[in-house]
Amino acid sequence: MRYIKILLLLSFIIVESQSLWAQGCVAIRGSSCSAGLGVSNTLLKGEFIAGTGFRYFKSFRHFRGLEEETNRIAEGTEVVNKSYFVDLSLNYGITDRLFANVIVPFVHHNRSSMYEHGGNPPNGLGERHETSAKGLADVRLGLGYWLFDPNENQSFNYAFGLGLKLPTGKYDYKDTFYNQGSNKDESIESVVDQSIQPGDGGTGIAIDLQGYQTLSNTLVLSTNLYYLLNFQATNGVLTRNGSSEFSCPDQFAARIGAFYNTSISGFSGYLGARVEGVPSKDLVGKSYGYRRPGYAISVEPGIGYNTHKYAINLSVPIALIRNRTQSYEDKQRTIDRGVYTHGDAAFADYLWNVNFSYRFGGKHTMKQDHIPIWEDIKNGTR
């Protein structure tokens, strides 16, 4: 059963490296544009893997820097984002080493707040209302290449990926805001918050590196590094108060963990760590415009069940560190006004990820011998 065990163990990361990561008010829309660990590694020429992933989180804990503003929940003024994501993906093996994929994401966001609907008490009305946004998000296309020939029985391999993020998601989505106007007695249609816009309006180039390393007959180490360069500074859409335009920020993520091949047929476990975020300053181009930069560091447990063609997996990243960093605009206002400025953002405690994939096509079947990684390890030949 060559190559099957490595598929079963590594396919758990399919949606994790493709996911539209997000941590609440820090809108992290990027994802790995390569096919994902386990997917691309198991694809031979002409083979496909179709996948779908569902994710959910609720952000409500406000941070300014590393410090949580616990008073927001106590006072009932916290902003609550509930976000649902569905990704449809198709991965294709162009050769045994070169692979391509397309990811079509859909989102549904619901945002509850007081400050956007008349203001937080005691100076505002204190009425909580909701805004929503939904639909197609930013489509991603990608190519990846394994640095070592998988047909040479490698116990490790790394793939370099290059992708394109398209501005297909609506980035000027509008909804109703209550208690507006000078007398707080109007309802108006206006753009929703940046964190729940389906897209960011920018065309981006994504670079990622993914890989695996067999540690023993039961453990495989996996890594994934990702960076999205958004060359456009802003998307031309003014924030609701008209103070600035929405930024098209860079995004980054890193993930490392170990897969455990259990003694129960088809079941695997995973434990890892991940960091994802939005930088205050872009790597290339201008950094002005409105953004909420920051990052979250999480521990990520997960389980999976796999057959020869199908895989279903669950992971729950749990946030350990959340940091709303000072934005480019915060720094400029600090200089201009002489008063330190540092905005806040709401983060989630955890995320739910459920993923399903199906492999088909090509000249080979899952029952044929491909790369004898796990079998060779068990037989003592590696």
Foldseek 3Di string as FASTA:
>chain_A
DAPQVQLLFQVQCQCVQVPLDQFFQQRRRDHHQERGTSQLQSAAAWKKKKKKKKKKFKWWFKDFFQDTPVVCVVLVFTKIKIKMKMKIKMKHHNHNFKIKMKIKMKMKMKIKGDCQAFHPPPVGPNDIDMDMDITTAWMKIKMKGWPDRLQVQDQKIKMKMKMKTHGPFAQFDWDWHALDDPRRHDIDIGGDRRNRGRYQQFIKMKIKMKMWHDDALFKIKIKMWMKIAGAFQFNPGADRVRPWGAGPFIKIKIKIWMKTDDPPPQKIKIKIKMKIWTDQAGPHHGHDTDGFTWMWIWIKIKMKGDDLFKIKIKMKTFTDTIGRAAHPVQVVCCVVVVNRGTDMTIGGRIMIMIMMMGMDTDPDGSPDHGRRNSVCSVVVND
